[in-house]
Protein backbone atom coordinates (compact mmCIF):
# COMPACT_ATOMS: atom_id res chain seq x y z
CA MET A 1 -195.94 82.02 80.47
CA PHE A 2 -193.29 81.89 83.15
CA LYS A 3 -192.75 78.20 82.35
CA LYS A 4 -192.37 78.92 78.69
CA LEU A 5 -189.96 81.69 79.50
CA LEU A 6 -187.83 79.44 81.81
CA GLU A 7 -187.87 76.84 79.04
CA LEU A 8 -186.58 79.33 76.39
CA ARG A 9 -183.89 80.63 78.72
CA GLN A 10 -182.64 77.06 79.36
CA GLN A 11 -182.58 76.31 75.63
CA LYS A 12 -180.62 79.63 75.12
CA ALA A 13 -178.01 78.56 77.70
CA GLN A 14 -177.80 75.11 76.23
CA ILE A 15 -177.12 76.45 72.78
CA GLN A 16 -174.53 78.92 74.03
CA ALA A 17 -172.84 76.26 76.04
CA GLU A 18 -172.47 73.99 72.83
CA MET A 19 -171.39 77.04 70.78
CA ARG A 20 -168.66 77.68 73.40
CA ALA A 21 -167.55 74.15 73.43
CA ILE A 22 -166.97 74.19 69.73
CA MET A 23 -164.84 77.34 69.92
CA GLU A 24 -162.97 76.22 72.86
CA THR A 25 -161.98 73.01 71.16
CA ALA A 26 -160.85 74.71 68.20
CA ASP A 27 -158.89 77.26 70.18
CA LYS A 28 -157.30 74.50 72.31
CA GLU A 29 -156.25 72.61 69.17
CA GLN A 30 -154.97 75.87 67.51
CA ARG A 31 -157.14 75.45 64.43
CA SER A 32 -160.27 76.97 62.95
CA THR A 33 -163.52 75.14 63.14
CA THR A 34 -164.26 72.39 60.57
CA GLU A 35 -166.88 73.16 57.92
CA ALA A 36 -169.49 70.89 59.70
CA LYS A 37 -168.80 72.66 63.06
CA GLY A 38 -169.03 76.07 61.34
CA ARG A 39 -172.52 75.08 59.97
CA ASN A 40 -173.46 74.05 63.38
CA LEU A 41 -172.41 77.36 64.83
CA MET A 42 -174.47 79.23 62.13
CA ASN A 43 -177.39 76.99 62.92
CA TYR A 44 -177.15 77.78 66.64
CA VAL A 45 -176.92 81.61 65.82
CA VAL A 46 -180.10 81.29 63.78
CA LYS A 47 -181.80 79.53 66.65
CA LEU A 48 -180.66 82.25 69.06
CA VAL A 49 -181.83 85.16 66.81
CA ALA A 50 -185.17 83.47 65.86
């Protein structure tokens, strides 16, 4: 059980890092996210909530 919990926490951290990278790139370029990146963000949110 501890192994599964650790795995889930690592997955969560990776998803959060990917989401942060998308947002930071858009902020740095002073633009909004592209449609594809927006879909990726929504998919990440769904994974985090599930």
